[in-house]
């Protein structure tokens, strides 16, 4: 089973502030939907909260929370990343997507096989960051650049990284 981190991050790896994205890029939202559709998605409780506590349609939603009282409709709630991976594996999916937030990405980085990142070409202030991609451990296998335009305030790139070992 392939473990893929799916993220949008600024050049300084900022991914959010006050539990919200730092940008609105419609093409990234479409790319995210197409990338994750039909696959199990693993996220932390705060990321789930940023989705208005509603599961993403067309995907098995797995939420990690250390709060024993946390419950949500139409999602699987687990206490750890390992439990989340086990729950995703039980779906017989060939790939699972880890979709945030910062702490979940940090925990998942060493387990990941692939990173699909929308690199937003800006330096932005955030309170949540994606971990540094160590180029000694990862190989950039594709990169597609897009300019800023009337619907996209920032230029951005869709990148796919593969673990080098």
N, C-alpha and C. Protein backbone atom coordinates (compact mmCIF):
# COMPACT_ATOMS: atom_id res chain seq x y z
N UNK A 1 0.85 -1.18 0.00
CA UNK A 1 0.00 0.00 0.00
C UNK A 1 0.89 1.24 0.00
N UNK A 2 0.58 2.17 -0.86
CA UNK A 2 1.34 3.41 -0.99
C UNK A 2 0.75 4.44 -0.03
N UNK A 3 1.62 5.08 0.73
CA UNK A 3 1.20 6.17 1.62
C UNK A 3 1.66 7.47 0.97
N UNK A 4 0.69 8.33 0.66
CA UNK A 4 0.96 9.58 -0.03
C UNK A 4 0.54 10.75 0.85
N UNK A 5 1.45 11.71 0.99
CA UNK A 5 1.11 12.97 1.67
C UNK A 5 0.61 13.92 0.59
N UNK A 6 -0.55 14.51 0.79
CA UNK A 6 -1.13 15.46 -0.16
C UNK A 6 -1.25 16.79 0.58
N UNK A 7 -0.61 17.83 0.03
CA UNK A 7 -0.51 19.10 0.75
C UNK A 7 -0.38 20.26 -0.22
N UNK A 8 -0.81 21.43 0.20
CA UNK A 8 -0.49 22.69 -0.46
C UNK A 8 0.33 23.49 0.55
N UNK A 9 1.50 23.96 0.12
CA UNK A 9 2.39 24.66 1.05
C UNK A 9 3.09 25.80 0.34
N UNK A 10 3.28 26.90 1.06
CA UNK A 10 4.04 28.03 0.54
C UNK A 10 5.52 27.65 0.46
N UNK A 11 6.32 28.50 -0.14
CA UNK A 11 7.75 28.22 -0.29
C UNK A 11 8.45 28.06 1.06
N UNK A 12 7.92 28.69 2.10
CA UNK A 12 8.48 28.53 3.45
C UNK A 12 7.76 27.43 4.22
N UNK A 13 6.99 26.61 3.52
CA UNK A 13 6.26 25.45 4.06
C UNK A 13 5.06 25.80 4.92
N UNK A 14 4.66 27.08 4.97
CA UNK A 14 3.43 27.43 5.69
C UNK A 14 2.25 26.77 4.99
N UNK A 15 1.36 26.17 5.79
CA UNK A 15 0.17 25.53 5.21
C UNK A 15 -1.13 26.11 5.75
N UNK A 16 -1.08 26.84 6.85
CA UNK A 16 -2.31 27.38 7.39
C UNK A 16 -2.08 28.34 8.53
N UNK A 17 -3.15 29.04 8.86
CA UNK A 17 -3.14 29.95 10.01
C UNK A 17 -4.57 29.99 10.55
N UNK A 18 -4.69 29.89 11.87
CA UNK A 18 -6.01 29.89 12.51
C UNK A 18 -6.93 28.83 11.89
N UNK A 19 -6.34 27.68 11.58
CA UNK A 19 -7.08 26.53 11.03
C UNK A 19 -7.74 26.82 9.69
N UNK A 20 -7.11 27.71 8.90
CA UNK A 20 -7.60 28.01 7.56
C UNK A 20 -6.42 28.02 6.60
N UNK A 21 -6.70 27.75 5.32
CA UNK A 21 -5.66 27.87 4.30
C UNK A 21 -5.27 29.34 4.15
N UNK A 22 -4.08 29.57 3.62
CA UNK A 22 -3.56 30.93 3.46
C UNK A 22 -3.86 31.50 2.08
N UNK A 23 -4.59 30.76 1.24
CA UNK A 23 -4.84 31.16 -0.14
C UNK A 23 -6.13 30.50 -0.61
N UNK A 24 -6.61 30.99 -1.73
CA UNK A 24 -7.73 30.32 -2.42
C UNK A 24 -7.27 30.10 -3.86
N UNK A 25 -7.00 28.86 -4.19
CA UNK A 25 -6.55 28.49 -5.53
C UNK A 25 -7.52 27.44 -6.09
N UNK A 26 -8.51 27.87 -6.89
CA UNK A 26 -9.51 26.92 -7.37
C UNK A 26 -8.93 25.70 -8.08
N UNK A 27 -7.86 25.89 -8.86
CA UNK A 27 -7.28 24.73 -9.55
C UNK A 27 -6.66 23.74 -8.57
N UNK A 28 -6.13 24.24 -7.45
CA UNK A 28 -5.59 23.33 -6.44
C UNK A 28 -6.72 22.53 -5.79
N UNK A 29 -7.85 23.15 -5.55
CA UNK A 29 -8.99 22.43 -4.96
C UNK A 29 -9.44 21.29 -5.89
N UNK A 30 -9.48 21.58 -7.20
CA UNK A 30 -9.84 20.52 -8.17
C UNK A 30 -8.78 19.42 -8.18
N UNK A 31 -7.51 19.84 -8.16
CA UNK A 31 -6.40 18.88 -8.16
C UNK A 31 -6.47 17.98 -6.92
N UNK A 32 -6.73 18.58 -5.77
CA UNK A 32 -6.86 17.82 -4.53
C UNK A 32 -7.99 16.81 -4.63
N UNK A 33 -9.14 17.26 -5.12
CA UNK A 33 -10.29 16.36 -5.25
C UNK A 33 -9.96 15.19 -6.17
N UNK A 34 -9.37 15.49 -7.33
CA UNK A 34 -9.03 14.43 -8.29
C UNK A 34 -7.97 13.48 -7.74
N UNK A 35 -7.02 14.01 -6.98
CA UNK A 35 -5.94 13.20 -6.42
C UNK A 35 -6.44 12.24 -5.35
N UNK A 36 -7.37 12.70 -4.54
CA UNK A 36 -7.81 11.91 -3.38
C UNK A 36 -9.10 11.13 -3.60
N UNK A 37 -9.81 11.40 -4.69
CA UNK A 37 -11.13 10.80 -4.92
C UNK A 37 -11.05 9.27 -4.90
N UNK A 38 -11.93 8.66 -4.15
CA UNK A 38 -12.02 7.21 -4.08
C UNK A 38 -11.00 6.55 -3.16
N UNK A 39 -10.14 7.34 -2.55
CA UNK A 39 -9.09 6.80 -1.68
C UNK A 39 -9.39 7.13 -0.22
N UNK A 40 -8.88 6.34 0.70
CA UNK A 40 -8.98 6.72 2.11
C UNK A 40 -8.14 7.97 2.37
N UNK A 41 -8.68 8.91 3.14
CA UNK A 41 -7.94 10.10 3.54
C UNK A 41 -7.80 10.10 5.06
N UNK A 42 -6.59 10.38 5.51
CA UNK A 42 -6.27 10.44 6.94
C UNK A 42 -6.00 11.89 7.29
N UNK A 43 -6.64 12.35 8.36
CA UNK A 43 -6.43 13.74 8.80
C UNK A 43 -6.55 13.83 10.30
N UNK A 44 -6.00 14.90 10.84
CA UNK A 44 -6.15 15.19 12.25
C UNK A 44 -7.50 15.84 12.54
N UNK A 45 -7.84 15.90 13.81
CA UNK A 45 -9.11 16.47 14.24
C UNK A 45 -9.25 17.93 13.83
N UNK A 46 -8.18 18.71 13.92
CA UNK A 46 -8.27 20.13 13.56
C UNK A 46 -8.50 20.30 12.06
N UNK A 47 -7.86 19.47 11.25
CA UNK A 47 -8.10 19.52 9.81
C UNK A 47 -9.55 19.17 9.52
N UNK A 48 -10.07 18.15 10.19
CA UNK A 48 -11.47 17.78 10.03
C UNK A 48 -12.37 18.96 10.43
N UNK A 49 -12.01 19.66 11.50
CA UNK A 49 -12.75 20.85 11.91
C UNK A 49 -12.73 21.93 10.86
N UNK A 50 -11.59 22.08 10.16
CA UNK A 50 -11.50 23.07 9.09
C UNK A 50 -12.41 22.71 7.92
N UNK A 51 -12.82 21.45 7.84
CA UNK A 51 -13.78 21.01 6.82
C UNK A 51 -15.21 21.09 7.36
N UNK A 52 -15.41 21.91 8.37
CA UNK A 52 -16.72 22.08 9.03
C UNK A 52 -17.25 20.77 9.60
N UNK A 53 -16.31 19.92 10.06
CA UNK A 53 -16.67 18.63 10.66
C UNK A 53 -17.55 17.79 9.74
N UNK A 54 -17.30 17.89 8.44
CA UNK A 54 -18.04 17.09 7.47
C UNK A 54 -17.05 16.25 6.68
N UNK A 55 -17.37 14.99 6.45
CA UNK A 55 -16.46 14.14 5.68
C UNK A 55 -16.37 14.60 4.22
N UNK A 56 -15.21 14.37 3.62
CA UNK A 56 -15.05 14.64 2.20
C UNK A 56 -15.81 13.56 1.43
N UNK A 57 -16.69 13.93 0.52
CA UNK A 57 -17.45 12.92 -0.22
C UNK A 57 -16.55 12.09 -1.13
N UNK A 58 -16.97 10.85 -1.38
CA UNK A 58 -16.25 9.99 -2.31
C UNK A 58 -14.97 9.41 -1.77
N UNK A 59 -14.74 9.55 -0.47
CA UNK A 59 -13.52 9.05 0.16
C UNK A 59 -13.86 8.46 1.52
N UNK A 60 -13.09 7.46 1.95
CA UNK A 60 -13.18 6.97 3.33
C UNK A 60 -12.42 7.96 4.19
N UNK A 61 -13.09 8.61 5.13
CA UNK A 61 -12.48 9.64 5.98
C UNK A 61 -12.09 9.03 7.32
N UNK A 62 -10.81 9.18 7.66
CA UNK A 62 -10.28 8.66 8.93
C UNK A 62 -9.69 9.84 9.68
N UNK A 63 -10.19 10.08 10.89
CA UNK A 63 -9.79 11.24 11.68
C UNK A 63 -9.03 10.76 12.91
N UNK A 64 -7.85 11.34 13.12
CA UNK A 64 -7.03 11.02 14.29
C UNK A 64 -7.31 12.05 15.38
N UNK A 65 -7.65 11.56 16.57
CA UNK A 65 -7.88 12.45 17.71
C UNK A 65 -7.46 11.74 18.99
N UNK A 66 -6.74 12.45 19.83
CA UNK A 66 -6.38 11.90 21.14
C UNK A 66 -7.50 12.14 22.15
N UNK A 67 -8.51 12.91 21.76
CA UNK A 67 -9.64 13.20 22.66
C UNK A 67 -10.60 12.01 22.62
N UNK A 68 -10.67 11.29 23.72
CA UNK A 68 -11.49 10.07 23.74
C UNK A 68 -12.97 10.35 23.52
N UNK A 69 -13.42 11.55 23.83
CA UNK A 69 -14.85 11.87 23.67
C UNK A 69 -15.18 12.34 22.25
N UNK A 70 -14.16 12.53 21.39
CA UNK A 70 -14.41 13.03 20.03
C UNK A 70 -15.15 11.99 19.20
N UNK A 71 -16.25 12.41 18.61
CA UNK A 71 -17.03 11.55 17.71
C UNK A 71 -17.51 12.40 16.54
N UNK A 72 -17.68 11.76 15.41
CA UNK A 72 -18.19 12.47 14.23
C UNK A 72 -18.93 11.48 13.35
N UNK A 73 -19.95 11.98 12.68
CA UNK A 73 -20.74 11.13 11.79
C UNK A 73 -19.98 10.82 10.51
N UNK A 74 -20.14 9.61 10.01
CA UNK A 74 -19.65 9.18 8.70
C UNK A 74 -18.13 9.21 8.56
N UNK A 75 -17.41 9.16 9.68
CA UNK A 75 -15.95 9.05 9.64
C UNK A 75 -15.52 7.97 10.63
N UNK A 76 -14.34 7.44 10.40
CA UNK A 76 -13.72 6.52 11.35
C UNK A 76 -12.81 7.34 12.24
N UNK A 77 -12.98 7.27 13.55
CA UNK A 77 -12.14 8.02 14.49
C UNK A 77 -11.17 7.04 15.14
N UNK A 78 -9.87 7.40 15.10
CA UNK A 78 -8.82 6.58 15.69
C UNK A 78 -7.94 7.46 16.57
N UNK A 79 -7.07 6.83 17.34
CA UNK A 79 -6.25 7.57 18.30
C UNK A 79 -4.81 7.82 17.83
N UNK A 80 -4.37 7.16 16.74
CA UNK A 80 -2.98 7.31 16.32
C UNK A 80 -2.86 7.15 14.81
N UNK A 81 -1.72 7.59 14.28
CA UNK A 81 -1.45 7.43 12.85
C UNK A 81 -1.40 5.95 12.48
N UNK A 82 -0.78 5.13 13.32
CA UNK A 82 -0.71 3.70 13.01
C UNK A 82 -2.10 3.08 12.93
N UNK A 83 -2.99 3.46 13.85
CA UNK A 83 -4.37 2.97 13.79
C UNK A 83 -5.07 3.45 12.52
N UNK A 84 -4.78 4.68 12.13
CA UNK A 84 -5.38 5.24 10.91
C UNK A 84 -4.92 4.47 9.68
N UNK A 85 -3.63 4.17 9.62
CA UNK A 85 -3.10 3.40 8.49
C UNK A 85 -3.72 2.01 8.46
N UNK A 86 -3.86 1.39 9.62
CA UNK A 86 -4.51 0.07 9.69
C UNK A 86 -5.96 0.15 9.19
N UNK A 87 -6.68 1.20 9.60
CA UNK A 87 -8.07 1.36 9.16
C UNK A 87 -8.14 1.57 7.65
N UNK A 88 -7.20 2.35 7.11
CA UNK A 88 -7.17 2.57 5.66
C UNK A 88 -6.83 1.28 4.92
N UNK A 89 -5.89 0.51 5.47
CA UNK A 89 -5.50 -0.77 4.85
C UNK A 89 -6.68 -1.73 4.80
N UNK A 90 -7.55 -1.66 5.79
CA UNK A 90 -8.72 -2.55 5.85
C UNK A 90 -9.70 -2.29 4.71
N UNK A 91 -9.57 -1.15 4.02
CA UNK A 91 -10.45 -0.84 2.89
C UNK A 91 -9.97 -1.50 1.61
N UNK A 92 -8.80 -2.14 1.66
CA UNK A 92 -8.18 -2.77 0.48
C UNK A 92 -7.73 -1.76 -0.57
N UNK A 93 -7.61 -0.50 -0.20
CA UNK A 93 -7.12 0.51 -1.14
C UNK A 93 -5.63 0.26 -1.41
N UNK A 94 -5.20 0.58 -2.62
CA UNK A 94 -3.78 0.43 -2.97
C UNK A 94 -2.97 1.65 -2.54
N UNK A 95 -3.68 2.76 -2.27
CA UNK A 95 -3.03 4.01 -1.88
C UNK A 95 -3.89 4.69 -0.83
N UNK A 96 -3.24 5.34 0.13
CA UNK A 96 -3.94 6.16 1.11
C UNK A 96 -3.33 7.55 1.10
N UNK A 97 -4.13 8.54 1.40
CA UNK A 97 -3.69 9.93 1.37
C UNK A 97 -3.75 10.54 2.76
N UNK A 98 -2.64 11.07 3.20
CA UNK A 98 -2.57 11.82 4.46
C UNK A 98 -2.74 13.28 4.07
N UNK A 99 -3.76 13.96 4.64
CA UNK A 99 -4.10 15.31 4.18
C UNK A 99 -3.95 16.38 5.26
N UNK A 100 -3.26 16.09 6.35
CA UNK A 100 -2.96 17.12 7.32
C UNK A 100 -3.54 16.85 8.69
N UNK A 101 -3.24 17.72 9.58
CA UNK A 101 -2.44 18.93 9.48
C UNK A 101 -0.96 18.71 9.78
N UNK A 102 -0.35 19.80 10.25
CA UNK A 102 1.09 19.83 10.43
C UNK A 102 1.64 18.69 11.26
N UNK A 103 1.04 18.40 12.39
CA UNK A 103 1.54 17.33 13.27
C UNK A 103 1.37 15.97 12.61
N UNK A 104 0.26 15.75 11.94
CA UNK A 104 0.03 14.47 11.26
C UNK A 104 1.04 14.31 10.12
N UNK A 105 1.31 15.38 9.38
CA UNK A 105 2.34 15.30 8.32
C UNK A 105 3.69 14.93 8.92
N UNK A 106 4.05 15.55 10.04
CA UNK A 106 5.35 15.25 10.67
C UNK A 106 5.44 13.77 11.04
N UNK A 107 4.38 13.24 11.62
CA UNK A 107 4.37 11.83 12.00
C UNK A 107 4.42 10.92 10.77
N UNK A 108 3.78 11.33 9.69
CA UNK A 108 3.65 10.47 8.51
C UNK A 108 4.84 10.55 7.57
N UNK A 109 5.67 11.59 7.69
CA UNK A 109 6.75 11.81 6.72
C UNK A 109 7.65 10.58 6.56
N UNK A 110 8.06 9.96 7.66
CA UNK A 110 8.97 8.82 7.54
C UNK A 110 8.28 7.57 7.00
N UNK A 111 6.97 7.50 7.09
CA UNK A 111 6.22 6.35 6.59
C UNK A 111 5.81 6.52 5.13
N UNK A 112 5.88 7.74 4.63
CA UNK A 112 5.35 8.07 3.31
C UNK A 112 6.23 7.51 2.19
N UNK A 113 5.57 7.16 1.09
CA UNK A 113 6.24 6.72 -0.13
C UNK A 113 6.26 7.83 -1.18
N UNK A 114 5.30 8.75 -1.07
CA UNK A 114 5.13 9.77 -2.10
C UNK A 114 4.60 11.04 -1.44
N UNK A 115 4.98 12.19 -2.02
CA UNK A 115 4.43 13.48 -1.61
C UNK A 115 3.88 14.15 -2.86
N UNK A 116 2.62 14.54 -2.81
CA UNK A 116 2.02 15.34 -3.87
C UNK A 116 1.77 16.71 -3.26
N UNK A 117 2.52 17.69 -3.76
CA UNK A 117 2.47 19.02 -3.14
C UNK A 117 2.12 20.08 -4.17
N UNK A 118 1.18 20.93 -3.81
CA UNK A 118 0.97 22.16 -4.55
C UNK A 118 1.87 23.18 -3.88
N UNK A 119 2.94 23.57 -4.58
CA UNK A 119 3.89 24.54 -4.03
C UNK A 119 3.40 25.92 -4.43
N UNK A 120 2.97 26.69 -3.45
CA UNK A 120 2.48 28.04 -3.67
C UNK A 120 3.69 28.97 -3.63
N UNK A 121 3.90 29.70 -4.73
CA UNK A 121 5.12 30.50 -4.86
C UNK A 121 4.96 31.85 -4.17
N UNK A 122 5.04 31.78 -2.84
CA UNK A 122 4.96 32.96 -1.97
C UNK A 122 5.54 32.57 -0.62
N UNK A 123 6.01 33.56 0.10
CA UNK A 123 6.43 33.37 1.49
C UNK A 123 5.30 33.96 2.33
N UNK A 124 4.65 33.11 3.11
CA UNK A 124 3.47 33.54 3.85
C UNK A 124 3.62 33.19 5.32
N UNK A 125 3.00 34.01 6.16
CA UNK A 125 3.05 33.76 7.60
C UNK A 125 1.94 32.79 7.98
N UNK A 126 2.32 31.74 8.67
CA UNK A 126 1.34 30.77 9.12
C UNK A 126 1.62 30.36 10.55
N UNK A 127 0.73 29.55 11.10
CA UNK A 127 1.00 28.96 12.41
C UNK A 127 1.11 27.44 12.31
N UNK A 128 0.96 26.92 11.09
CA UNK A 128 1.10 25.49 10.84
C UNK A 128 1.96 25.32 9.60
N UNK A 129 2.92 24.38 9.69
CA UNK A 129 3.89 24.21 8.61
C UNK A 129 4.03 22.75 8.22
N UNK A 130 4.31 22.53 6.94
CA UNK A 130 4.64 21.21 6.43
C UNK A 130 6.12 20.96 6.72
N UNK A 131 6.50 19.72 7.06
CA UNK A 131 7.92 19.47 7.32
C UNK A 131 8.77 19.69 6.06
N UNK A 132 10.03 20.00 6.28
CA UNK A 132 10.98 20.17 5.18
C UNK A 132 11.09 18.85 4.41
N UNK A 133 11.10 18.95 3.07
CA UNK A 133 11.34 17.76 2.24
C UNK A 133 12.86 17.63 2.11
N UNK A 134 13.43 16.61 2.74
CA UNK A 134 14.88 16.40 2.70
C UNK A 134 15.24 15.81 1.34
N UNK A 135 15.92 16.61 0.51
CA UNK A 135 16.19 16.18 -0.86
C UNK A 135 17.11 14.96 -0.93
N UNK A 136 17.79 14.64 0.16
CA UNK A 136 18.60 13.41 0.18
C UNK A 136 17.70 12.18 0.27
N UNK A 137 16.47 12.35 0.75
CA UNK A 137 15.54 11.23 0.91
C UNK A 137 14.46 11.17 -0.16
N UNK A 138 14.32 12.23 -0.94
CA UNK A 138 13.22 12.34 -1.89
C UNK A 138 13.73 12.77 -3.26
N UNK A 139 13.04 12.32 -4.31
CA UNK A 139 13.37 12.69 -5.68
C UNK A 139 12.13 13.35 -6.31
N UNK A 140 12.34 14.53 -6.90
CA UNK A 140 11.25 15.20 -7.61
C UNK A 140 11.03 14.49 -8.93
N UNK A 141 9.84 13.90 -9.12
CA UNK A 141 9.60 13.14 -10.35
C UNK A 141 8.71 13.88 -11.35
N UNK A 142 7.97 14.89 -10.89
CA UNK A 142 7.25 15.72 -11.84
C UNK A 142 6.99 17.10 -11.23
N UNK A 143 6.93 18.09 -12.12
CA UNK A 143 6.70 19.47 -11.71
C UNK A 143 5.98 20.18 -12.84
N UNK A 144 4.84 20.76 -12.54
CA UNK A 144 4.09 21.52 -13.55
C UNK A 144 3.78 22.89 -12.96
N UNK A 145 4.25 23.94 -13.65
CA UNK A 145 4.12 25.31 -13.15
C UNK A 145 2.90 26.01 -13.74
N UNK A 146 2.28 26.87 -12.91
CA UNK A 146 1.13 27.65 -13.34
C UNK A 146 1.33 29.09 -12.86
N UNK A 147 1.03 30.08 -13.72
CA UNK A 147 1.20 31.48 -13.32
C UNK A 147 0.01 31.96 -12.47
N UNK A 148 0.24 33.05 -11.77
CA UNK A 148 -0.88 33.72 -11.11
C UNK A 148 -1.80 34.26 -12.20
N UNK A 149 -3.08 34.36 -11.89
CA UNK A 149 -4.05 34.92 -12.84
C UNK A 149 -5.21 35.52 -12.05
N UNK A 150 -6.29 35.87 -12.73
CA UNK A 150 -7.40 36.54 -12.05
C UNK A 150 -8.07 35.67 -10.99
N UNK A 151 -7.96 34.34 -11.10
CA UNK A 151 -8.56 33.45 -10.11
C UNK A 151 -7.55 32.90 -9.11
N UNK A 152 -6.27 33.10 -9.38
CA UNK A 152 -5.20 32.53 -8.55
C UNK A 152 -4.21 33.64 -8.21
N UNK A 153 -4.27 34.11 -6.97
CA UNK A 153 -3.44 35.25 -6.54
C UNK A 153 -1.95 34.94 -6.66
N UNK A 154 -1.58 33.68 -6.45
CA UNK A 154 -0.18 33.29 -6.45
C UNK A 154 0.10 32.30 -7.58
N UNK A 155 1.31 32.37 -8.12
CA UNK A 155 1.78 31.31 -9.01
C UNK A 155 1.95 30.05 -8.15
N UNK A 156 1.86 28.89 -8.78
CA UNK A 156 1.97 27.64 -8.02
C UNK A 156 2.46 26.54 -8.95
N UNK A 157 2.89 25.45 -8.35
CA UNK A 157 3.35 24.28 -9.09
C UNK A 157 2.76 23.03 -8.46
N UNK A 158 2.39 22.08 -9.31
CA UNK A 158 2.01 20.75 -8.83
C UNK A 158 3.26 19.89 -8.93
N UNK A 159 3.69 19.34 -7.80
CA UNK A 159 4.91 18.53 -7.75
C UNK A 159 4.59 17.15 -7.18
N UNK A 160 5.29 16.15 -7.70
CA UNK A 160 5.23 14.81 -7.14
C UNK A 160 6.65 14.40 -6.77
N UNK A 161 6.82 14.01 -5.51
CA UNK A 161 8.10 13.55 -4.98
C UNK A 161 7.96 12.07 -4.62
N UNK A 162 9.01 11.32 -4.87
CA UNK A 162 9.03 9.90 -4.53
C UNK A 162 10.19 9.63 -3.58
N UNK A 163 9.97 8.76 -2.62
CA UNK A 163 11.05 8.42 -1.68
C UNK A 163 12.19 7.79 -2.47
N UNK A 164 13.42 8.21 -2.19
CA UNK A 164 14.56 7.81 -3.01
C UNK A 164 15.10 6.42 -2.70
N UNK A 165 14.76 5.83 -1.55
CA UNK A 165 15.36 4.52 -1.24
C UNK A 165 14.55 3.39 -1.81
